[in-house]
């Protein structure tokens, strides 16, 4: 079987049976927007916490390096 036969005969039949079970409910989407919003807020909080830890570690490491340089002289 060549590729063109698959693309023109079998693929449309498969896709039509695959998508025949899908239903679109617009109100379900609207009801789930609040959960998506909470998820996005949580993602931003976690990213902010990671950025804060990185900044804090950078300051601590720079102070340790400065104090180590003074004692070496």
PDB file of N, CA and C in Angstrom:
ATOM      1  N   UNK A   1       0.855  -1.181   0.000  1.00  0.00           N
ATOM      2  CA  UNK A   1       0.000   0.000   0.000  1.00  0.00           C
ATOM      3  C   UNK A   1       0.898   1.240   0.000  1.00  0.00           C
ATOM      4  N   UNK A   2       0.607   2.146  -0.894  1.00  0.00           N
ATOM      5  CA  UNK A   2       1.424   3.350  -0.939  1.00  0.00           C
ATOM      6  C   UNK A   2       0.808   4.454  -0.073  1.00  0.00           C
ATOM      7  N   UNK A   3       1.560   5.495   0.095  1.00  0.00           N
ATOM      8  CA  UNK A   3       1.157   6.592   0.977  1.00  0.00           C
ATOM      9  C   UNK A   3      -0.078   7.325   0.458  1.00  0.00           C
ATOM     10  N   UNK A   4      -0.174   7.514  -0.828  1.00  0.00           N
ATOM     11  CA  UNK A   4      -1.326   8.237  -1.390  1.00  0.00           C
ATOM     12  C   UNK A   4      -2.630   7.474  -1.155  1.00  0.00           C
ATOM     13  N   UNK A   5      -2.584   6.166  -1.230  1.00  0.00           N
ATOM     14  CA  UNK A   5      -3.795   5.380  -0.963  1.00  0.00           C
ATOM     15  C   UNK A   5      -4.219   5.563   0.486  1.00  0.00           C
ATOM     16  N   UNK A   6      -3.251   5.539   1.389  1.00  0.00           N
ATOM     17  CA  UNK A   6      -3.566   5.725   2.806  1.00  0.00           C
ATOM     18  C   UNK A   6      -4.157   7.101   3.061  1.00  0.00           C
ATOM     19  N   UNK A   7      -3.539   8.134   2.470  1.00  0.00           N
ATOM     20  CA  UNK A   7      -3.992   9.505   2.720  1.00  0.00           C
ATOM     21  C   UNK A   7      -5.356   9.794   2.105  1.00  0.00           C
ATOM     22  N   UNK A   8      -5.661   9.180   0.974  1.00  0.00           N
ATOM     23  CA  UNK A   8      -6.916   9.500   0.294  1.00  0.00           C
ATOM     24  C   UNK A   8      -8.074   8.578   0.662  1.00  0.00           C
ATOM     25  N   UNK A   9      -7.782   7.355   1.124  1.00  0.00           N
ATOM     26  CA  UNK A   9      -8.859   6.399   1.393  1.00  0.00           C
ATOM     27  C   UNK A   9      -9.028   6.151   2.884  1.00  0.00           C
ATOM     28  N   UNK A  10      -7.980   5.726   3.550  1.00  0.00           N
ATOM     29  CA  UNK A  10      -8.110   5.262   4.926  1.00  0.00           C
ATOM     30  C   UNK A  10      -8.101   6.392   5.957  1.00  0.00           C
ATOM     31  N   UNK A  11      -7.310   7.398   5.737  1.00  0.00           N
ATOM     32  CA  UNK A  11      -7.226   8.493   6.711  1.00  0.00           C
ATOM     33  C   UNK A  11      -8.546   9.247   6.875  1.00  0.00           C
ATOM     34  N   UNK A  12      -9.246   9.635   5.804  1.00  0.00           N
ATOM     35  CA  UNK A  12     -10.542  10.317   6.010  1.00  0.00           C
ATOM     36  C   UNK A  12     -11.576   9.448   6.727  1.00  0.00           C
ATOM     37  N   UNK A  13     -11.574   8.146   6.450  1.00  0.00           N
ATOM     38  CA  UNK A  13     -12.518   7.252   7.128  1.00  0.00           C
ATOM     39  C   UNK A  13     -12.187   7.179   8.606  1.00  0.00           C
ATOM     40  N   UNK A  14     -10.903   7.056   8.934  1.00  0.00           N
ATOM     41  CA  UNK A  14     -10.482   6.991  10.328  1.00  0.00           C
ATOM     42  C   UNK A  14     -10.820   8.288  11.056  1.00  0.00           C
ATOM     43  N   UNK A  15     -10.514   9.426  10.444  1.00  0.00           N
ATOM     44  CA  UNK A  15     -10.773  10.707  11.106  1.00  0.00           C
ATOM     45  C   UNK A  15     -12.259  10.968  11.287  1.00  0.00           C
ATOM     46  N   UNK A  16     -13.077  10.575  10.334  1.00  0.00           N
ATOM     47  CA  UNK A  16     -14.508  10.803  10.485  1.00  0.00           C
ATOM     48  C   UNK A  16     -15.079   9.960  11.623  1.00  0.00           C
ATOM     49  N   UNK A  17     -14.597   8.743  11.800  1.00  0.00           N
ATOM     50  CA  UNK A  17     -15.079   7.935  12.918  1.00  0.00           C
ATOM     51  C   UNK A  17     -14.491   8.422  14.239  1.00  0.00           C
ATOM     52  N   UNK A  18     -13.279   8.963  14.192  1.00  0.00           N
ATOM     53  CA  UNK A  18     -12.632   9.463  15.404  1.00  0.00           C
ATOM     54  C   UNK A  18     -13.336  10.704  15.930  1.00  0.00           C
ATOM     55  N   UNK A  19     -13.682  11.628  15.049  1.00  0.00           N
ATOM     56  CA  UNK A  19     -14.293  12.878  15.464  1.00  0.00           C
ATOM     57  C   UNK A  19     -15.808  12.791  15.610  1.00  0.00           C
ATOM     58  N   UNK A  20     -16.409  11.674  15.299  1.00  0.00           N
ATOM     59  CA  UNK A  20     -17.860  11.573  15.399  1.00  0.00           C
ATOM     60  C   UNK A  20     -18.338  11.558  16.852  1.00  0.00           C
ATOM     61  N   UNK A  21     -17.466  11.231  17.802  1.00  0.00           N
ATOM     62  CA  UNK A  21     -17.851  11.161  19.211  1.00  0.00           C
ATOM     63  C   UNK A  21     -17.642  12.474  19.960  1.00  0.00           C
ATOM     64  N   UNK A  22     -17.117  13.495  19.310  1.00  0.00           N
ATOM     65  CA  UNK A  22     -16.850  14.757  19.971  1.00  0.00           C
ATOM     66  C   UNK A  22     -18.106  15.628  19.983  1.00  0.00           C
ATOM     67  N   UNK A  23     -18.319  16.279  21.125  1.00  0.00           N
ATOM     68  CA  UNK A  23     -19.413  17.238  21.244  1.00  0.00           C
ATOM     69  C   UNK A  23     -18.854  18.521  21.835  1.00  0.00           C
ATOM     70  N   UNK A  24     -19.382  19.634  21.390  1.00  0.00           N
ATOM     71  CA  UNK A  24     -18.923  20.933  21.869  1.00  0.00           C
ATOM     72  C   UNK A  24     -19.993  21.531  22.762  1.00  0.00           C
ATOM     73  N   UNK A  25     -19.608  21.820  24.005  1.00  0.00           N
ATOM     74  CA  UNK A  25     -20.517  22.440  24.965  1.00  0.00           C
ATOM     75  C   UNK A  25     -19.907  23.775  25.401  1.00  0.00           C
ATOM     76  N   UNK A  26     -20.356  24.882  24.808  1.00  0.00           N
ATOM     77  CA  UNK A  26     -19.751  26.180  25.123  1.00  0.00           C
ATOM     78  C   UNK A  26     -19.853  26.561  26.590  1.00  0.00           C
ATOM     79  N   UNK A  27     -20.926  26.218  27.267  1.00  0.00           N
ATOM     80  CA  UNK A  27     -21.056  26.600  28.680  1.00  0.00           C
ATOM     81  C   UNK A  27     -20.079  25.834  29.564  1.00  0.00           C
ATOM     82  N   UNK A  28     -19.726  24.644  29.181  1.00  0.00           N
ATOM     83  CA  UNK A  28     -18.714  23.903  29.942  1.00  0.00           C
ATOM     84  C   UNK A  28     -17.372  24.618  29.859  1.00  0.00           C
ATOM     85  N   UNK A  29     -17.077  25.157  28.692  1.00  0.00           N
ATOM     86  CA  UNK A  29     -15.840  25.918  28.540  1.00  0.00           C
ATOM     87  C   UNK A  29     -15.864  27.156  29.430  1.00  0.00           C
ATOM     88  N   UNK A  30     -16.971  27.868  29.433  1.00  0.00           N
ATOM     89  CA  UNK A  30     -17.087  29.086  30.248  1.00  0.00           C
ATOM     90  C   UNK A  30     -16.997  28.743  31.735  1.00  0.00           C
ATOM     91  N   UNK A  31     -17.595  27.635  32.154  1.00  0.00           N
ATOM     92  CA  UNK A  31     -17.533  27.230  33.558  1.00  0.00           C
ATOM     93  C   UNK A  31     -16.117  26.844  33.972  1.00  0.00           C
ATOM     94  N   UNK A  32     -15.328  26.335  33.059  1.00  0.00           N
ATOM     95  CA  UNK A  32     -13.970  25.910  33.389  1.00  0.00           C
ATOM     96  C   UNK A  32     -12.951  27.036  33.314  1.00  0.00           C
ATOM     97  N   UNK A  33     -13.358  28.218  32.878  1.00  0.00           N
ATOM     98  CA  UNK A  33     -12.429  29.347  32.814  1.00  0.00           C
ATOM     99  C   UNK A  33     -11.887  29.712  34.187  1.00  0.00           C
ATOM    100  N   UNK A  34     -12.692  29.576  35.230  1.00  0.00           N
ATOM    101  CA  UNK A  34     -12.216  29.922  36.570  1.00  0.00           C
ATOM    102  C   UNK A  34     -11.086  28.981  37.001  1.00  0.00           C
ATOM    103  N   UNK A  35     -11.173  27.706  36.637  1.00  0.00           N
ATOM    104  CA  UNK A  35     -10.109  26.774  36.993  1.00  0.00           C
ATOM    105  C   UNK A  35      -8.827  27.064  36.207  1.00  0.00           C
ATOM    106  N   UNK A  36      -8.993  27.467  34.956  1.00  0.00           N
ATOM    107  CA  UNK A  36      -7.822  27.842  34.169  1.00  0.00           C
ATOM    108  C   UNK A  36      -7.178  29.106  34.737  1.00  0.00           C
ATOM    109  N   UNK A  37      -7.996  30.044  35.199  1.00  0.00           N
ATOM    110  CA  UNK A  37      -7.458  31.262  35.798  1.00  0.00           C
ATOM    111  C   UNK A  37      -6.707  30.980  37.080  1.00  0.00           C
ATOM    112  N   UNK A  38      -7.247  30.117  37.922  1.00  0.00           N
ATOM    113  CA  UNK A  38      -6.555  29.747  39.163  1.00  0.00           C
ATOM    114  C   UNK A  38      -5.236  29.050  38.843  1.00  0.00           C
ATOM    115  N   UNK A  39      -5.247  28.202  37.832  1.00  0.00           N
ATOM    116  CA  UNK A  39      -4.019  27.522  37.424  1.00  0.00           C
ATOM    117  C   UNK A  39      -2.967  28.498  36.947  1.00  0.00           C
ATOM    118  N   UNK A  40      -3.367  29.497  36.171  1.00  0.00           N
ATOM    119  CA  UNK A  40      -2.409  30.491  35.688  1.00  0.00           C
ATOM    120  C   UNK A  40      -1.853  31.330  36.838  1.00  0.00           C
ATOM    121  N   UNK A  41      -2.695  31.687  37.791  1.00  0.00           N
ATOM    122  CA  UNK A  41      -2.222  32.445  38.950  1.00  0.00           C
ATOM    123  C   UNK A  41      -1.201  31.622  39.739  1.00  0.00           C
ATOM    124  N   UNK A  42      -1.486  30.341  39.923  1.00  0.00           N
ATOM    125  CA  UNK A  42      -0.548  29.473  40.642  1.00  0.00           C
ATOM    126  C   UNK A  42       0.781  29.348  39.906  1.00  0.00           C
ATOM    127  N   UNK A  43       0.724  29.272  38.581  1.00  0.00           N
ATOM    128  CA  UNK A  43       1.962  29.199  37.802  1.00  0.00           C
ATOM    129  C   UNK A  43       2.780  30.468  37.997  1.00  0.00           C
ATOM    130  N   UNK A  44       2.138  31.644  37.955  1.00  0.00           N
ATOM    131  CA  UNK A  44       2.867  32.893  38.149  1.00  0.00           C
ATOM    132  C   UNK A  44       3.439  32.983  39.565  1.00  0.00           C
ATOM    133  N   UNK A  45       2.723  32.485  40.566  1.00  0.00           N
ATOM    134  CA  UNK A  45       3.235  32.500  41.932  1.00  0.00           C
ATOM    135  C   UNK A  45       4.479  31.618  42.045  1.00  0.00           C
ATOM    136  N   UNK A  46       4.435  30.442  41.463  1.00  0.00           N
ATOM    137  CA  UNK A  46       5.585  29.530  41.526  1.00  0.00           C
ATOM    138  C   UNK A  46       6.782  30.124  40.787  1.00  0.00           C
ATOM    139  N   UNK A  47       6.549  30.716  39.614  1.00  0.00           N
ATOM    140  CA  UNK A  47       7.648  31.342  38.876  1.00  0.00           C
ATOM    141  C   UNK A  47       8.234  32.497  39.678  1.00  0.00           C
ATOM    142  N   UNK A  48       7.381  33.285  40.319  1.00  0.00           N
ATOM    143  CA  UNK A  48       7.873  34.381  41.160  1.00  0.00           C
ATOM    144  C   UNK A  48       8.677  33.885  42.347  1.00  0.00           C
ATOM    145  N   UNK A  49       8.245  32.785  42.962  1.00  0.00           N
ATOM    146  CA  UNK A  49       8.986  32.219  44.086  1.00  0.00           C
ATOM    147  C   UNK A  49      10.353  31.717  43.638  1.00  0.00           C
ATOM    148  N   UNK A  50      10.403  31.068  42.491  1.00  0.00           N
ATOM    149  CA  UNK A  50      11.688  30.585  41.976  1.00  0.00           C
ATOM    150  C   UNK A  50      12.608  31.759  41.669  1.00  0.00           C
ATOM    151  N   UNK A  51      12.075  32.815  41.056  1.00  0.00           N
ATOM    152  CA  UNK A  51      12.887  33.996  40.764  1.00  0.00           C
ATOM    153  C   UNK A  51      13.381  34.645  42.055  1.00  0.00           C
ATOM    154  N   UNK A  52      12.545  34.703  43.078  1.00  0.00           N
ATOM    155  CA  UNK A  52      12.965  35.270  44.361  1.00  0.00           C
ATOM    156  C   UNK A  52      14.078  34.460  45.011  1.00  0.00           C
ATOM    157  N   UNK A  53      13.978  33.147  44.947  1.00  0.00           N
ATOM    158  CA  UNK A  53      15.026  32.291  45.518  1.00  0.00           C
ATOM    159  C   UNK A  53      16.338  32.483  44.758  1.00  0.00           C
ATOM    160  N   UNK A  54      16.263  32.612  43.437  1.00  0.00           N
ATOM    161  CA  UNK A  54      17.477  32.814  42.643  1.00  0.00           C
ATOM    162  C   UNK A  54      18.132  34.146  43.007  1.00  0.00           C
ATOM    163  N   UNK A  55      17.344  35.206  43.149  1.00  0.00           N
ATOM    164  CA  UNK A  55      17.895  36.514  43.520  1.00  0.00           C
ATOM    165  C   UNK A  55      18.509  36.451  44.916  1.00  0.00           C
ATOM    166  N   UNK A  56      17.827  35.809  45.848  1.00  0.00           N
ATOM    167  CA  UNK A  56      18.349  35.678  47.202  1.00  0.00           C
ATOM    168  C   UNK A  56      19.656  34.894  47.227  1.00  0.00           C
ATOM    169  N   UNK A  57      19.712  33.793  46.497  1.00  0.00           N
ATOM    170  CA  UNK A  57      20.946  33.008  46.439  1.00  0.00           C
ATOM    171  C   UNK A  57      22.078  33.793  45.795  1.00  0.00           C
ATOM    172  N   UNK A  58      21.757  34.592  44.791  1.00  0.00           N
ATOM    173  CA  UNK A  58      22.783  35.399  44.146  1.00  0.00           C
ATOM    174  C   UNK A  58      23.371  36.412  45.118  1.00  0.00           C
ATOM    175  N   UNK A  59      22.524  37.053  45.926  1.00  0.00           N
ATOM    176  CA  UNK A  59      23.021  38.014  46.909  1.00  0.00           C
ATOM    177  C   UNK A  59      23.858  37.327  47.984  1.00  0.00           C
ATOM    178  N   UNK A  60      23.420  36.166  48.459  1.00  0.00           N
ATOM    179  CA  UNK A  60      24.160  35.448  49.494  1.00  0.00           C
ATOM    180  C   UNK A  60      25.515  35.006  48.962  1.00  0.00           C
ATOM    181  N   UNK A  61      25.544  34.479  47.756  1.00  0.00           N
ATOM    182  CA  UNK A  61      26.805  34.005  47.183  1.00  0.00           C
ATOM    183  C   UNK A  61      27.750  35.170  46.923  1.00  0.00           C
ATOM    184  N   UNK A  62      27.231  36.311  46.465  1.00  0.00           N
ATOM    185  CA  UNK A  62      28.104  37.459  46.223  1.00  0.00           C
ATOM    186  C   UNK A  62      28.687  37.988  47.527  1.00  0.00           C
ATOM    187  N   UNK A  63      27.924  37.960  48.634  1.00  0.00           N
ATOM    188  CA  UNK A  63      28.456  38.386  49.936  1.00  0.00           C
ATOM    189  C   UNK A  63      29.516  37.419  50.436  1.00  0.00           C
ATOM    190  N   UNK A  64      29.309  36.134  50.214  1.00  0.00           N
ATOM    191  CA  UNK A  64      30.299  35.142  50.636  1.00  0.00           C
ATOM    192  C   UNK A  64      31.586  35.329  49.850  1.00  0.00           C
ATOM    193  N   UNK A  65      31.469  35.584  48.553  1.00  0.00           N
ATOM    194  CA  UNK A  65      32.666  35.792  47.733  1.00  0.00           C
ATOM    195  C   UNK A  65      33.398  37.061  48.141  1.00  0.00           C
ATOM    196  N   UNK A  66      32.652  38.149  48.461  1.00  0.00           N
ATOM    197  CA  UNK A  66      33.303  39.391  48.887  1.00  0.00           C
ATOM    198  C   UNK A  66      34.027  39.200  50.209  1.00  0.00           C
ATOM    199  N   UNK A  67      33.404  38.527  51.154  1.00  0.00           N
ATOM    200  CA  UNK A  67      34.050  38.316  52.449  1.00  0.00           C
ATOM    201  C   UNK A  67      35.239  37.376  52.293  1.00  0.00           C
ATOM    202  N   UNK A  68      35.193  36.438  51.393  1.00  0.00           N
ATOM    203  CA  UNK A  68      36.312  35.537  51.145  1.00  0.00           C
ATOM    204  C   UNK A  68      37.470  36.252  50.487  1.00  0.00           C
ATOM    205  N   UNK A  69      37.191  37.233  49.610  1.00  0.00           N
ATOM    206  CA  UNK A  69      38.248  37.998  48.947  1.00  0.00           C
ATOM    207  C   UNK A  69      38.968  38.909  49.929  1.00  0.00           C
ATOM    208  N   UNK A  70      38.252  39.503  50.908  1.00  0.00           N
ATOM    209  CA  UNK A  70      38.861  40.401  51.880  1.00  0.00           C
ATOM    210  C   UNK A  70      39.798  39.637  52.797  1.00  0.00           C
ATOM    211  N   UNK A  71      39.423  38.449  53.191  1.00  0.00           N
ATOM    212  CA  UNK A  71      40.262  37.685  54.105  1.00  0.00           C
ATOM    213  C   UNK A  71      41.511  37.148  53.420  1.00  0.00           C
ATOM    214  N   UNK A  72      41.485  36.997  52.112  1.00  0.00           N
ATOM    215  CA  UNK A  72      42.624  36.455  51.383  1.00  0.00           C
ATOM    216  C   UNK A  72      43.726  37.509  51.243  1.00  0.00           C
ATOM    217  N   UNK A  73      43.384  38.780  51.289  1.00  0.00           N
ATOM    218  CA  UNK A  73      44.382  39.837  51.099  1.00  0.00           C
ATOM    219  C   UNK A  73      45.169  40.111  52.315  1.00  0.00           C
TER     220      UNK A  73
END
